[in-house]
Every structure is written in structure tokens, then in C-alpha cells.
């Protein structure tokens, strides 16, 4: 086939347009422009269920297109409700580093793993990924490692999203298979280049959908648990009770109260003395003068 294409190309450049080559180019170009849902006639024993990529793994342009040579498998649609569950736990503990290590052991003990950890002195944040079926048991085990101050759980139903992306993957796989079949029937370099570009674009879209499906399925299968650890504050020390108060304690308390009373009285008198001197003396002087005048009038 490669020799025929090269000969046709050379004849076109040297002599002109050949009728047979033009007709073949026109037919293959029309095939390349078929929409995704157009029916493709079987030629050479090829059909939609045959590994079309096997016949197009090596073409005249030298580009391999057989990475997905097998017939696409229709992805299974998830059954039941698909729910993403996450949890956040805050607790206090006497030894933060030791508690963080035990938190990791709880995750690995149920088939999970540590996905993130940040220990900073008296605080730590640990992120776990555990099987969803083991989430409740993990939360009970974590509660035994310290004093739980708060606990929250979140759920997100992604059933509709998974069903939608599974359906889109099946449609895109069928589209990629049709484009590969057109590539196996191409008879000119221009058609091959055009169809390969379309095939690359559709395969890229298919891979993106498959990554989205895998990410959602992974989040459903493995739940995320965020654990926040804080060092517990020690209680204040309890003071020992002294002996019961007696007669001597009463006398001591009385003298202390008397001393405090005298001190307060003296403090008040000292605070009022400047006012007495500044106001009382002039008032007394005025009263004395008035009294002298009354006495002189009376005599």
C-alpha cells in the first residue's frame, strides 16, 4: 500500500492529476468526514467489533496508532448508591507525636494509608485514607487515643455523576473505534493525517473521562479522615488544706482587722487634711470676725 501511495504521489507531481487517484482521494475524504453515528460499511472483513487498530498500527505516514488495538470494553455502570464519605476529628492528648504515630497505625491496620501529616510541637494534623466500609470502626478506634472535642462527618452522593461518565465513556469508545476503522481504509497521506488528528483528539477526551471515573470511584472506595491533635492542658495543682482555725487564729485575725481599720482611717484623714487646711481655716477666720462684731455691737 505504501508503494502505491508513493507512486501515486510521484505521478501527481510529475504528470498531473490521475483520474484513478482523484477518485480514491474523493471517496476516502468523504469517509473521513462521516459523523460519529454514521454507519461504516464493512470492507476486507473489518467490523465494529474487530480490532481495527491492529490494521492501522503501521501506515504510510509511519505513525503508530495501535495503542488501543483491542475492541473497547463497555465500562460497567455502578450499582447501588455511590457515596463519598469524609470525616474530621479533633482531640486532645498528652503526647502529640505518639498519638500521631498511633493514628497512622489505626489506618494501616484496616488496609488504609497515611496521605498527609504535619506535626508542629504541641499540635498535629494527620490525614488518612481508609476503606469506606471501615470508616465507623476507625472513628471508634481514634476516640480511644485521646479526648475527642469535636467530630464531623460529610457525605456526597455521586451516583448520577458516575452513571453519566460511564455512559459518555461507552459512547466515546465506540467513536474512537469508528475513527480507527476509517484510518484503516484511508488511501492517501492527507486523509491519514486528518484522520489521525481526529483520532488523537478523541482518544484524549476518552482518557480524560476515564481519569474522572477513576477519581470518583477511588473517592467512593476510600474515605478521607482528617485528625487534628492538640496537647492537653494539665489541670491546676490542688493545694493541701491547712489546720482548722482556733482561738489564736481569731485573735490574730482581729488584730489584723483592727490594723487595717486604723490604716484606712489614717489614710482617709491624710487625704482630707489638705481640704481642711485650705477651706477650714478661712471659714474659721470669717466666723471669728463676725462674732467679734456682734460682741462689739452688744456692748
Protein backbone atom coordinates (compact mmCIF):
# COMPACT_ATOMS: atom_id res chain seq x y z
CA UNK A 1 0.00 0.00 0.00
CA UNK A 2 2.86 2.35 0.81
CA UNK A 3 4.42 1.84 -2.63
CA UNK A 4 1.11 2.56 -4.30
CA UNK A 5 0.69 5.82 -2.40
CA UNK A 6 4.26 6.90 -3.18
CA UNK A 7 3.83 6.09 -6.86
CA UNK A 8 0.53 7.97 -6.95
CA UNK A 9 2.11 10.99 -5.27
CA UNK A 10 5.05 10.99 -7.68
CA UNK A 11 2.79 10.67 -10.69
CA UNK A 12 0.69 13.57 -9.45
CA UNK A 13 3.73 15.84 -9.07
CA UNK A 14 5.27 14.93 -12.43
CA UNK A 15 2.44 14.25 -14.85
CA UNK A 16 -0.69 15.76 -13.28
CA UNK A 17 -3.81 14.64 -11.67
CA UNK A 18 -4.63 10.98 -12.36
CA UNK A 19 -8.26 10.08 -12.64
CA UNK A 20 -8.00 6.94 -10.53
CA UNK A 21 -6.03 8.66 -7.74
CA UNK A 22 -8.51 11.56 -7.67
CA UNK A 23 -11.47 9.20 -7.35
CA UNK A 24 -9.82 7.30 -4.49
CA UNK A 25 -8.96 10.54 -2.68
CA UNK A 26 -12.52 11.81 -3.06
CA UNK A 27 -14.05 8.59 -1.71
CA UNK A 28 -11.71 8.40 1.31
CA UNK A 29 -12.18 12.09 2.05
CA UNK A 30 -15.93 11.59 2.15
CA UNK A 31 -15.44 8.68 4.53
CA UNK A 32 -13.24 10.82 6.82
CA UNK A 33 -15.99 13.41 7.08
CA UNK A 34 -18.63 10.95 8.34
CA UNK A 35 -20.23 11.91 11.66
CA UNK A 36 -19.72 9.78 14.76
CA UNK A 37 -23.04 8.00 14.38
CA UNK A 38 -22.69 7.22 10.63
CA UNK A 39 -22.70 3.58 9.67
CA UNK A 40 -19.40 2.36 8.24
CA UNK A 41 -19.60 -0.40 5.63
CA UNK A 42 -17.53 -3.46 6.31
CA UNK A 43 -14.60 -3.84 3.96
CA UNK A 44 -11.97 -6.51 3.97
CA UNK A 45 -13.66 -8.38 6.81
CA UNK A 46 -13.40 -5.44 9.26
CA UNK A 47 -16.33 -4.58 11.52
CA UNK A 48 -17.03 -2.55 14.62
CA UNK A 49 -16.15 -5.44 16.95
CA UNK A 50 -12.86 -6.34 15.25
CA UNK A 51 -9.57 -4.87 16.49
CA UNK A 52 -9.45 -2.08 13.94
CA UNK A 53 -6.31 -0.68 15.49
CA UNK A 54 -4.42 -3.83 14.51
CA UNK A 55 -4.73 -2.97 10.82
CA UNK A 56 -3.73 0.64 11.44
CA UNK A 57 -0.78 0.07 13.75
CA UNK A 58 1.56 0.98 10.90
CA UNK A 59 0.54 3.17 7.98
CA UNK A 60 2.23 5.04 5.14
CA UNK A 61 2.96 8.05 7.35
CA UNK A 62 4.97 5.84 9.71
CA UNK A 63 2.88 6.80 12.81
CA UNK A 64 1.78 4.05 15.16
CA UNK A 65 -1.89 4.16 16.07
CA UNK A 66 -2.36 0.72 17.61
CA UNK A 67 -2.05 1.71 21.31
CA UNK A 68 -5.70 0.81 21.75
CA UNK A 69 -5.81 -2.05 19.24
CA UNK A 70 -8.29 -4.21 21.20
CA UNK A 71 -12.03 -3.68 20.94
CA UNK A 72 -13.19 -1.20 23.61
CA UNK A 73 -14.80 -2.71 26.65
CA UNK A 74 -18.04 -1.10 27.79
CA UNK A 75 -17.47 0.13 31.38
CA UNK A 76 -19.78 -1.29 33.99
CA UNK A 77 -22.35 1.11 35.39
CA UNK A 78 -22.12 1.29 39.22
CA UNK A 79 -24.91 -0.46 41.09
CA UNK A 80 -26.47 0.94 44.25
CA UNK A 81 -25.83 4.39 45.65
CA UNK A 82 -22.27 5.64 45.29
CA UNK A 83 -21.47 7.93 48.26
CA UNK A 84 -18.24 9.75 49.14
CA UNK A 85 -17.78 9.88 52.92
CA UNK A 86 -15.29 12.07 54.79
CA UNK A 87 -14.77 12.77 58.49
CA UNK A 88 -12.97 15.33 60.67
CA UNK A 89 -11.94 14.55 64.25
CA UNK A 90 -10.40 16.99 66.77
CA UNK A 91 -8.97 15.63 70.01
CA UNK A 92 -6.58 16.44 72.82
CA UNK A 93 -3.82 14.13 74.02
CA UNK A 94 -0.92 14.22 76.45
CA UNK A 95 1.70 13.28 73.84
CA UNK A 96 1.04 14.60 70.33
CA UNK A 97 3.86 12.79 68.40
CA UNK A 98 2.98 9.44 69.97
CA UNK A 99 -0.71 9.93 69.23
CA UNK A 100 0.08 10.82 65.60
CA UNK A 101 2.01 7.56 65.20
CA UNK A 102 -0.89 5.58 66.68
CA UNK A 103 -3.33 7.30 64.32
CA UNK A 104 -1.30 6.02 61.38
CA UNK A 105 -1.31 2.52 62.85
CA UNK A 106 -5.11 2.60 63.05
CA UNK A 107 -5.29 3.37 59.31
CA UNK A 108 -2.80 0.72 58.22
CA UNK A 109 -4.50 -1.84 60.45
CA UNK A 110 -7.68 -1.70 58.35
CA UNK A 111 -5.98 -1.57 54.94
CA UNK A 112 -5.70 2.23 54.69
CA UNK A 113 -2.69 4.50 54.49
CA UNK A 114 -1.34 7.85 55.64
CA UNK A 115 -1.90 10.50 52.96
CA UNK A 116 -0.65 13.57 54.85
CA UNK A 117 0.95 14.56 58.16
CA UNK A 118 2.07 17.83 59.76
CA UNK A 119 3.42 17.70 63.33
CA UNK A 120 4.39 21.04 64.91
CA UNK A 121 5.23 20.89 68.59
CA UNK A 122 2.03 20.60 70.58
CA UNK A 123 -0.26 20.34 67.52
CA UNK A 124 -0.53 17.94 64.59
CA UNK A 125 -2.76 17.36 61.56
CA UNK A 126 -2.95 13.82 60.17
CA UNK A 127 -4.87 12.86 57.00
CA UNK A 128 -5.87 9.23 56.50
CA UNK A 129 -7.38 7.27 53.61
CA UNK A 130 -9.30 4.23 54.81
CA UNK A 131 -11.78 1.83 53.16
CA UNK A 132 -15.27 3.27 53.40
CA UNK A 133 -16.59 0.07 54.99
CA UNK A 134 -14.07 0.54 57.84
CA UNK A 135 -14.76 4.26 58.47
CA UNK A 136 -17.02 3.79 61.50
CA UNK A 137 -14.58 1.38 63.14
CA UNK A 138 -11.69 3.77 62.51
CA UNK A 139 -13.56 6.61 64.22
CA UNK A 140 -14.20 4.42 67.27
CA UNK A 141 -10.52 3.43 67.42
CA UNK A 142 -9.40 7.07 67.15
CA UNK A 143 -11.64 8.07 70.07
CA UNK A 144 -9.55 5.80 72.33
CA UNK A 145 -6.32 7.70 71.59
CA UNK A 146 -7.36 10.88 73.41
CA UNK A 147 -10.25 13.13 74.37
CA UNK A 148 -12.48 13.91 71.37
CA UNK A 149 -13.53 17.58 71.40
CA UNK A 150 -15.42 17.56 68.08
CA UNK A 151 -16.31 15.13 65.30
CA UNK A 152 -17.96 15.80 61.93
CA UNK A 153 -18.93 13.55 59.02
CA UNK A 154 -19.83 14.59 55.47
CA UNK A 155 -21.48 12.53 52.69
CA UNK A 156 -21.81 13.27 48.97
CA UNK A 157 -23.88 11.13 46.61
CA UNK A 158 -22.10 10.83 43.22
CA UNK A 159 -24.20 8.04 41.74
CA UNK A 160 -25.58 10.22 38.94
CA UNK A 161 -22.11 11.52 38.08
CA UNK A 162 -20.67 8.01 37.79
CA UNK A 163 -23.57 6.79 35.66
CA UNK A 164 -23.19 9.80 33.37
CA UNK A 165 -19.44 9.48 32.94
CA UNK A 166 -19.74 5.71 32.34
CA UNK A 167 -22.26 6.34 29.57
CA UNK A 168 -20.06 9.01 28.00
CA UNK A 169 -17.07 6.65 28.10
CA UNK A 170 -19.00 3.94 26.26
CA UNK A 171 -20.08 6.43 23.58
CA UNK A 172 -16.56 7.79 23.19
CA UNK A 173 -15.05 4.30 22.92
CA UNK A 174 -17.43 3.49 20.07
CA UNK A 175 -16.50 6.78 18.39
CA UNK A 176 -12.78 6.01 18.68
CA UNK A 177 -13.35 2.55 17.18
CA UNK A 178 -15.13 4.06 14.16
CA UNK A 179 -12.34 6.55 13.55
CA UNK A 180 -9.77 3.75 13.71
CA UNK A 181 -11.72 1.82 11.13
CA UNK A 182 -11.74 4.86 8.84
CA UNK A 183 -7.99 5.15 9.35
CA UNK A 184 -7.51 1.54 8.23
CA UNK A 185 -9.42 2.36 5.00
CA UNK A 186 -7.58 5.61 4.18
CA UNK A 187 -5.77 5.63 0.77
CA UNK A 188 -3.94 8.98 0.78
CA UNK A 189 -1.49 10.77 3.03
CA UNK A 190 -3.77 13.78 3.52
CA UNK A 191 -6.62 11.54 4.66
CA UNK A 192 -4.33 9.63 7.00
CA UNK A 193 -3.03 12.84 8.60
CA UNK A 194 -6.54 14.24 9.01
CA UNK A 195 -7.97 11.05 10.50
CA UNK A 196 -5.00 10.60 12.84
CA UNK A 197 -5.53 14.12 14.21
CA UNK A 198 -9.20 13.37 14.85
CA UNK A 199 -8.29 10.04 16.46
CA UNK A 200 -5.77 11.71 18.78
CA UNK A 201 -8.35 14.29 19.88
CA UNK A 202 -10.99 11.66 20.63
CA UNK A 203 -8.57 9.42 22.48
CA UNK A 204 -7.53 12.38 24.63
CA UNK A 205 -11.16 13.07 25.51
CA UNK A 206 -11.67 9.40 26.32
CA UNK A 207 -8.65 9.32 28.64
CA UNK A 208 -9.93 12.42 30.44
CA UNK A 209 -13.30 10.76 31.05
CA UNK A 210 -11.61 7.59 32.29
CA UNK A 211 -9.48 9.61 34.75
CA UNK A 212 -12.62 11.32 36.05
CA UNK A 213 -14.33 7.96 36.50
CA UNK A 214 -11.30 6.51 38.30
CA UNK A 215 -11.08 9.53 40.61
CA UNK A 216 -14.74 9.34 41.60
CA UNK A 217 -14.55 5.57 42.10
CA UNK A 218 -11.45 5.99 44.25
CA UNK A 219 -13.11 8.59 46.46
CA UNK A 220 -16.10 6.30 46.93
CA UNK A 221 -13.94 3.31 47.82
CA UNK A 222 -11.55 5.17 50.18
CA UNK A 223 -12.84 7.65 52.76
CA UNK A 224 -10.73 10.59 53.95
CA UNK A 225 -10.30 11.23 57.69
CA UNK A 226 -8.70 14.46 58.94
CA UNK A 227 -7.41 14.16 62.52
CA UNK A 228 -6.41 17.30 64.46
CA UNK A 229 -4.33 16.64 67.59
CA UNK A 230 -3.69 19.20 70.36
CA UNK A 231 -1.71 18.80 73.56
CA UNK A 232 -4.00 18.61 76.59
CA UNK A 233 -3.68 21.41 79.19
CA UNK A 234 -2.74 19.98 82.64
CA UNK A 235 -5.22 20.73 85.47
CA UNK A 236 -4.16 23.27 88.15
CA UNK A 237 -2.42 21.75 91.22
CA UNK A 238 -4.65 21.07 94.24
CA UNK A 239 -3.45 22.86 97.41
CA UNK A 240 -3.39 20.88 100.65
CA UNK A 241 -5.89 22.02 103.27
CA UNK A 242 -4.34 23.69 106.37
CA UNK A 243 -5.29 23.13 110.06
CA UNK A 244 -8.68 24.25 111.27
CA UNK A 245 -8.70 27.85 112.66
CA UNK A 246 -8.66 28.19 116.52
CA UNK A 247 -8.70 30.85 119.29
CA UNK A 248 -5.26 32.09 118.36
CA UNK A 249 -6.25 32.43 114.73
CA UNK A 250 -9.28 34.51 115.85
CA UNK A 251 -7.14 36.90 117.89
CA UNK A 252 -4.64 37.19 115.03
CA UNK A 253 -7.44 37.90 112.61
CA UNK A 254 -8.95 40.53 114.95
CA UNK A 255 -5.66 42.40 115.39
CA UNK A 256 -5.17 42.25 111.63
CA UNK A 257 -8.66 43.69 111.07
CA UNK A 258 -8.02 46.46 113.65
CA UNK A 259 -4.76 47.36 112.00
CA UNK A 260 -6.43 47.50 108.60
CA UNK A 261 -9.22 49.74 110.02
CA UNK A 262 -6.73 52.18 111.59
CA UNK A 263 -4.75 52.24 108.40
CA UNK A 264 -7.86 53.08 106.37
CA UNK A 265 -8.92 55.84 108.83
CA UNK A 266 -5.49 57.41 108.79
CA UNK A 267 -5.40 57.16 105.03
CA UNK A 268 -8.77 58.93 104.78
CA UNK A 269 -7.71 61.65 107.27
CA UNK A 270 -4.49 62.22 105.36
CA UNK A 271 -6.44 62.55 102.12
CA UNK A 272 -8.91 65.06 103.71
CA UNK A 273 -6.28 67.16 105.60
CA UNK A 274 -5.35 69.37 102.62
CA UNK A 275 -9.03 70.25 102.11
CA UNK A 276 -9.47 71.01 105.84
CA UNK A 277 -6.48 73.32 105.90
CA UNK A 278 -7.34 75.06 102.67
CA UNK A 279 -11.04 75.58 103.38
CA UNK A 280 -11.48 75.24 107.16
CA UNK A 281 -9.02 77.96 108.28
CA UNK A 282 -10.55 80.75 106.12
CA UNK A 283 -14.04 79.74 107.25
CA UNK A 284 -12.99 79.84 110.91
CA UNK A 285 -11.40 83.26 110.39
CA UNK A 286 -14.60 84.68 108.90
CA UNK A 287 -16.71 83.27 111.74
CA UNK A 288 -14.35 84.75 114.32
CA UNK A 289 -14.57 88.24 112.76
CA UNK A 290 -18.38 88.08 112.62
CA UNK A 291 -18.53 87.01 116.22
CA UNK A 292 -16.32 89.93 117.31
CA UNK A 293 -18.54 92.39 115.53
CA UNK A 294 -21.66 91.02 117.22
CA UNK A 295 -19.97 91.25 120.58
CA UNK A 296 -18.94 94.89 119.99
CA UNK A 297 -22.48 95.89 118.99
CA UNK A 298 -23.96 94.19 122.02
CA UNK A 299 -21.59 96.02 124.40
